[in-house]
Every structure is written in C-alpha cells, then in structure tokens.
Amino acid sequence: MNIGFIGSGAMAEALIRGLLSSKKYLPENINCSDILPDRLEYIEKNYGVKGYKSNTDVVKFSEIIILAVKPNNIKEVVEEIGDALSAEKTLVSIAAGISTVFIEELLKKEIPVVRAMPNTPCLIGEGITALCPGRYAEKRHLETASELFGTAGRVVELPEKLMNAATALSGSGPAYIYLIIEALVDAGVTIGLPRDTASELVVQTVIGAAKMVSLSGEHPAVLKAKVMSPGGTTAAALKKLEDGEIRAVLMKAVEAAREKADKMN
C-alpha cells in the first residue's frame, strides 16, 4: 500500500517517522509533496521517501492520501486533486476544524474520507489521534487509518460531532501542558532553584504524574488526595490554585478552542 502526504510539515514528518519505524512500510511506499521545495528536499533526504512537485502526482501514485495542510488551504488543495481521486483511494484530512462533509461537498463524488486529529507528541511516538469516518468511508477505511496513526501513538474513534471537542482537548492540549510546565519552572527559579534543575524536577514530575494516572487506573482526585497531607504544603498550594480558579480557567480554555474549531468550516 502506497501512502501519500500532501504537505510535509512537522505532523507529516512525525507520521512518516512512525510508519517507517513500524517496519510495515518502506520509504518507497511513501510519496510526498510540499509547497516549499527546501522542505520537500529535507524530507526526501532524511527519510528516503519519494518527493513530487505536483500534488496530483502524489494522489496518482498513492492508495491513501493524507491532507497535511493548514485548514485555510484545504479548499484549494481538494479542488486541485479532485479529478485524480477515485473510490479506490482514501482521503484522510488532519486539518483542524474541517468536517468530512465540507470535503465531500468540494469533491462532488463518492470518495472515502476520514477525518483525523493527531497531536504533536506523535513526533516522539507518544501522540494520540482521534478519528471519524465520512459518509462514504467504511469500516475498512477507518481500520487502515487507525493502523497508520497507531504507528505514532494511540488512536480513538469518535462520532464527527465530537471531533472539534477532541481538537480542543488533545489536539491543542500539549500547548496547555507546556504553559503549565513553563510556569512551574519559572516558579522554581523564583524560589531559588537553578533553571536547569527546576526544569528537570518539573518535567519528570509531569511525566511521572501522567504515568500514575495511566497505569494505576485511579481517578486523579484519588491520586491528588494521596499527595495532600492535612495542613501540609500541598494543601496550601492547592488552595492557591483553587483560589485562582485554575480549574475553571482550563475548562474555559478548552471551550474557547472548541468554539474556534466550530467556526473553521
């Protein structure tokens, strides 16, 4: 099976790396294009894949085509490649906020379309991707997409009405965590720790806490209670966080991202 990437940015590179690392795909099975010649040359040189100047050529030589372009470029690209697509090919879009219906209406023919929302930790094989099928996509199309994105992390399947929520939560989610990490490191420096030491302490704490939630099966509230002694340092810190309405602010941030995604079609 040949896989085509229209757009060879960071997310496409992450998926290419995952596909090749899985040993299920060879460089000659992967076709790429990009609007930037230097970027396409980089992808060809570093991964041994086939590069094409024409998006239509990528479609021609691929059974699965991944649209890895920005949302505002989707219409132009889909209209460009529409004539080269057939029912034997599968089109996968990773553009935030763009529905399968929007793409299907541009195509004006029965092409299997799958919508995917990966996140940037796919770059290190620790991502998570939400998938949903379009009107003409069957179970086999979804299974193939799940296998592809599974090479770069975990995969969940959702109804399309929840895809913008997944975009807001996991698609944008790494940025929320980076902001929290940055703030905690700055706090460590403020109370006297060297920045490198503060960074190491914070990063490993975040990794360890996430693994505790993942591996223990316990609710975060239960794990939180195990850290917090009555009248102790953690209790004092958490009170400040609750006074600052951190919970409400995070919820509002996710809601704002979802609302933005809703308006992108």
Protein backbone atom coordinates (compact mmCIF):
# COMPACT_ATOMS: atom_id res chain seq x y z
CA MET A 1 0.00 0.00 0.00
CA ASN A 2 1.37 3.39 -1.01
CA ILE A 3 0.73 6.39 1.22
CA GLY A 4 0.80 9.97 0.01
CA PHE A 5 1.31 13.13 2.04
CA ILE A 6 0.18 16.43 0.61
CA GLY A 7 2.08 18.78 2.87
CA SER A 8 5.30 17.63 4.52
CA GLY A 9 5.36 19.70 7.71
CA ALA A 10 6.03 18.61 11.28
CA MET A 11 2.95 16.38 11.61
CA ALA A 12 3.54 14.68 8.28
CA GLU A 13 7.15 14.09 9.30
CA ALA A 14 6.01 12.58 12.59
CA LEU A 15 3.72 10.15 10.78
CA ILE A 16 6.38 9.27 8.21
CA ARG A 17 8.80 8.52 11.04
CA GLY A 18 6.19 6.35 12.74
CA LEU A 19 5.36 4.45 9.57
CA LEU A 20 9.00 3.69 8.85
CA SER A 21 9.76 2.77 12.47
CA SER A 22 6.90 0.26 12.44
CA LYS A 23 8.78 -1.70 9.72
CA LYS A 24 5.44 -2.24 7.97
CA TYR A 25 6.21 0.39 5.34
CA LEU A 26 9.29 1.13 3.27
CA PRO A 27 10.44 4.56 2.07
CA GLU A 28 9.45 3.64 -1.49
CA ASN A 29 5.85 3.21 -0.27
CA ILE A 30 5.64 6.86 0.78
CA ASN A 31 5.03 9.78 -1.58
CA CYS A 32 5.21 13.43 -0.53
CA SER A 33 4.71 16.94 -1.82
CA ASP A 34 5.13 20.34 -0.24
CA ILE A 35 4.73 23.96 -1.26
CA LEU A 36 8.28 24.65 -0.03
CA PRO A 37 10.99 22.99 -2.19
CA ASP A 38 13.54 23.07 0.64
CA ARG A 39 11.15 21.26 2.97
CA LEU A 40 10.41 18.58 0.39
CA GLU A 41 14.14 18.12 -0.22
CA TYR A 42 14.69 17.72 3.53
CA ILE A 43 12.00 15.02 3.79
CA GLU A 44 13.37 13.15 0.76
CA LYS A 45 16.95 13.29 2.01
CA ASN A 46 16.27 12.33 5.62
CA TYR A 47 13.69 9.57 5.10
CA GLY A 48 14.36 8.29 1.60
CA VAL A 49 10.75 8.83 0.51
CA LYS A 50 9.63 9.93 -2.95
CA GLY A 51 9.07 13.64 -3.43
CA TYR A 52 6.81 15.19 -6.07
CA LYS A 53 6.32 18.80 -7.10
CA SER A 54 2.71 18.05 -8.05
CA ASN A 55 0.00 17.20 -5.52
CA THR A 56 -1.83 15.36 -8.28
CA ASP A 57 1.15 13.05 -8.79
CA VAL A 58 1.07 12.16 -5.09
CA VAL A 59 -2.59 11.17 -5.49
CA LYS A 60 -1.86 9.24 -8.68
CA PHE A 61 0.76 7.02 -7.05
CA SER A 62 -0.93 6.52 -3.64
CA GLU A 63 -3.84 4.48 -2.33
CA ILE A 64 -4.17 6.57 0.84
CA ILE A 65 -3.67 10.32 0.69
CA ILE A 66 -3.15 12.33 3.87
CA LEU A 67 -4.02 16.00 3.63
CA ALA A 68 -1.45 17.55 5.96
CA VAL A 69 -2.08 21.17 5.03
CA LYS A 70 -3.42 24.09 7.03
CA PRO A 71 -7.23 24.46 7.28
CA ASN A 72 -7.27 27.60 5.12
CA ASN A 73 -5.57 25.67 2.29
CA ILE A 74 -7.95 22.69 2.29
CA LYS A 75 -10.42 24.05 -0.27
CA GLU A 76 -7.72 24.93 -2.80
CA VAL A 77 -5.93 21.59 -2.44
CA VAL A 78 -9.06 19.42 -2.54
CA GLU A 79 -10.28 21.19 -5.68
CA GLU A 80 -6.84 20.70 -7.23
CA ILE A 81 -6.68 16.93 -6.63
CA GLY A 82 -10.38 16.14 -7.01
CA ASP A 83 -10.19 14.81 -10.58
CA ALA A 84 -7.35 12.44 -9.64
CA LEU A 85 -9.31 10.85 -6.79
CA SER A 86 -11.45 7.74 -7.20
CA ALA A 87 -13.49 5.48 -4.92
CA GLU A 88 -10.49 3.12 -4.72
CA LYS A 89 -8.49 5.76 -2.86
CA THR A 90 -8.93 7.02 0.70
CA LEU A 91 -8.54 10.67 1.62
CA VAL A 92 -7.51 11.44 5.21
CA SER A 93 -7.61 15.03 6.47
CA ILE A 94 -5.75 16.20 9.56
CA ALA A 95 -6.88 19.83 9.22
CA ALA A 96 -8.34 21.17 12.45
CA GLY A 97 -11.99 22.13 12.33
CA ILE A 98 -12.63 20.89 8.77
CA SER A 99 -15.52 18.44 8.54
CA THR A 100 -15.77 15.46 6.24
CA VAL A 101 -18.97 16.96 4.82
CA PHE A 102 -17.07 20.10 3.77
CA ILE A 103 -14.52 17.99 1.89
CA GLU A 104 -17.16 15.68 0.38
CA GLU A 105 -19.12 18.65 -0.97
CA LEU A 106 -15.98 20.00 -2.61
CA LEU A 107 -15.28 16.63 -4.24
CA LYS A 108 -18.82 16.12 -5.56
CA LYS A 109 -18.27 12.35 -5.82
CA GLU A 110 -18.29 9.35 -3.51
CA ILE A 111 -14.75 9.33 -2.15
CA PRO A 112 -14.00 7.67 1.21
CA VAL A 113 -12.94 10.48 3.56
CA VAL A 114 -11.58 10.01 7.07
CA ARG A 115 -11.02 12.92 9.44
CA ALA A 116 -8.12 12.69 11.89
CA MET A 117 -6.92 14.91 14.72
CA PRO A 118 -3.40 13.92 15.84
CA ASN A 119 -1.29 15.94 18.26
CA THR A 120 2.38 16.94 18.26
CA PRO A 121 3.66 14.19 20.63
CA CYS A 122 3.25 11.98 17.55
CA LEU A 123 6.74 13.32 16.81
CA ILE A 124 8.11 11.03 19.54
CA GLY A 125 5.62 8.19 19.15
CA GLU A 126 3.57 9.32 22.16
CA GLY A 127 0.71 11.06 20.37
CA ILE A 128 -2.99 10.41 20.35
CA THR A 129 -5.21 10.70 17.30
CA ALA A 130 -8.99 10.98 17.15
CA LEU A 131 -10.60 9.52 14.01
CA CYS A 132 -14.05 9.65 12.44
CA PRO A 133 -15.38 8.36 9.12
CA GLY A 134 -17.08 10.40 6.43
CA ARG A 135 -20.27 9.46 4.61
CA TYR A 136 -18.58 7.09 2.17
CA ALA A 137 -15.90 5.65 4.45
CA GLU A 138 -16.43 2.06 5.54
CA LYS A 139 -15.04 0.15 8.50
CA ARG A 140 -12.02 -0.98 6.46
CA HIS A 141 -11.08 2.62 5.67
CA LEU A 142 -11.23 3.52 9.34
CA GLU A 143 -9.18 0.45 10.28
CA THR A 144 -6.48 1.37 7.78
CA ALA A 145 -6.31 4.94 9.09
CA SER A 146 -6.17 3.63 12.64
CA GLU A 147 -3.23 1.38 11.74
CA LEU A 148 -1.36 4.28 10.15
CA PHE A 149 -1.82 6.72 13.02
CA GLY A 150 -1.24 3.93 15.52
CA THR A 151 2.41 3.88 14.46
CA ALA A 152 2.80 7.31 16.15
CA GLY A 153 0.81 6.71 19.35
CA ARG A 154 -2.70 5.82 20.43
CA VAL A 155 -5.92 6.11 18.43
CA VAL A 156 -9.53 6.69 19.47
CA GLU A 157 -12.61 6.63 17.24
CA LEU A 158 -15.31 9.26 17.72
CA PRO A 159 -18.50 10.42 16.03
CA GLU A 160 -17.82 13.54 13.99
CA LYS A 161 -19.91 15.74 16.27
CA LEU A 162 -17.19 15.25 18.93
CA MET A 163 -14.17 15.85 16.70
CA ASN A 164 -13.94 19.58 17.46
CA ALA A 165 -14.05 18.72 21.16
CA ALA A 166 -11.13 16.32 20.66
CA THR A 167 -9.31 19.02 18.71
CA ALA A 168 -9.75 21.41 21.64
CA LEU A 169 -8.73 18.86 24.27
CA SER A 170 -5.95 16.70 22.80
CA GLY A 171 -5.08 18.49 19.58
CA SER A 172 -4.38 21.77 21.37
CA GLY A 173 -3.74 20.07 24.72
CA PRO A 174 0.05 19.84 24.55
CA ALA A 175 0.22 23.64 24.47
CA TYR A 176 -1.72 23.83 27.75
CA ILE A 177 0.72 21.44 29.39
CA TYR A 178 3.74 23.32 28.03
CA LEU A 179 2.38 26.54 29.53
CA ILE A 180 1.94 24.84 32.90
CA ILE A 181 5.45 23.39 32.73
CA GLU A 182 6.87 26.80 31.83
CA ALA A 183 5.06 28.44 34.76
CA LEU A 184 6.22 25.80 37.24
CA VAL A 185 9.83 26.08 36.08
CA ASP A 186 9.66 29.86 36.50
CA ALA A 187 8.19 29.34 39.96
CA GLY A 188 11.11 27.07 40.83
CA VAL A 189 13.59 29.73 39.73
CA THR A 190 11.71 32.34 41.74
CA ILE A 191 12.15 30.32 44.94
CA GLY A 192 15.86 29.81 44.36
CA LEU A 193 16.40 26.72 42.18
CA PRO A 194 18.78 26.82 39.21
CA ARG A 195 16.72 26.83 35.98
CA ASP A 196 18.15 23.53 34.70
CA THR A 197 17.36 21.83 37.99
CA ALA A 198 13.88 23.34 38.15
CA SER A 199 13.21 22.16 34.59
CA GLU A 200 14.36 18.61 35.34
CA LEU A 201 12.23 18.46 38.50
CA VAL A 202 9.12 19.76 36.76
CA VAL A 203 9.38 17.70 33.58
CA GLN A 204 9.92 14.41 35.40
CA THR A 205 7.12 15.27 37.83
CA VAL A 206 4.72 15.81 34.91
CA ILE A 207 5.83 12.57 33.22
CA GLY A 208 5.52 10.62 36.47
CA ALA A 209 2.12 12.07 37.35
CA ALA A 210 0.73 11.26 33.89
CA LYS A 211 2.04 7.70 34.12
CA MET A 212 0.49 7.31 37.57
CA VAL A 213 -2.92 8.23 36.16
CA SER A 214 -2.42 5.96 33.14
CA LEU A 215 -1.05 2.90 34.92
CA SER A 216 -2.79 2.97 38.31
CA GLY A 217 -6.33 3.20 36.97
CA GLU A 218 -7.20 5.50 39.87
CA HIS A 219 -9.12 8.75 39.49
CA PRO A 220 -6.88 11.85 39.52
CA ALA A 221 -8.77 13.12 42.57
CA VAL A 222 -7.78 9.97 44.49
CA LEU A 223 -4.14 10.33 43.47
CA LYS A 224 -4.22 14.01 44.41
CA ALA A 225 -5.54 13.15 47.87
CA LYS A 226 -2.64 10.73 48.37
CA VAL A 227 -0.17 13.58 47.88
CA MET A 228 -2.02 16.04 50.11
CA SER A 229 -1.48 15.75 53.88
CA PRO A 230 -3.86 17.71 56.16
CA GLY A 231 -2.49 21.18 56.72
CA GLY A 232 0.60 20.41 54.64
CA THR A 233 2.49 22.10 51.83
CA THR A 234 0.43 20.52 49.04
CA ALA A 235 -2.82 21.59 50.67
CA ALA A 236 -1.56 25.16 50.91
CA ALA A 237 -0.51 25.15 47.25
CA LEU A 238 -3.77 23.63 46.01
CA LYS A 239 -5.79 26.22 47.91
CA LYS A 240 -3.97 28.96 45.99
CA LEU A 241 -4.65 27.19 42.71
CA GLU A 242 -8.35 26.86 43.53
CA ASP A 243 -8.46 30.49 44.68
CA GLY A 244 -7.11 31.39 41.25
CA GLU A 245 -9.86 29.30 39.63
CA ILE A 246 -7.35 27.21 37.70
CA ARG A 247 -9.95 24.51 37.11
CA ALA A 248 -12.45 26.99 35.65
CA VAL A 249 -9.77 28.70 33.53
CA LEU A 250 -8.65 25.41 31.98
CA MET A 251 -12.25 24.47 31.21
CA LYS A 252 -12.86 27.87 29.60
CA ALA A 253 -9.69 27.48 27.53
CA VAL A 254 -10.86 24.15 26.12
CA GLU A 255 -14.31 25.57 25.43
CA ALA A 256 -12.75 28.54 23.58
CA ALA A 257 -10.69 26.18 21.41
CA ARG A 258 -13.77 24.09 20.62
CA GLU A 259 -15.75 27.21 19.66
CA LYS A 260 -12.93 28.32 17.35
CA ALA A 261 -12.87 24.91 15.69
CA ASP A 262 -16.64 25.08 15.19
CA LYS A 263 -16.19 28.24 13.11
CA MET A 264 -13.43 26.97 10.82
CA ASN A 265 -15.54 25.26 8.14
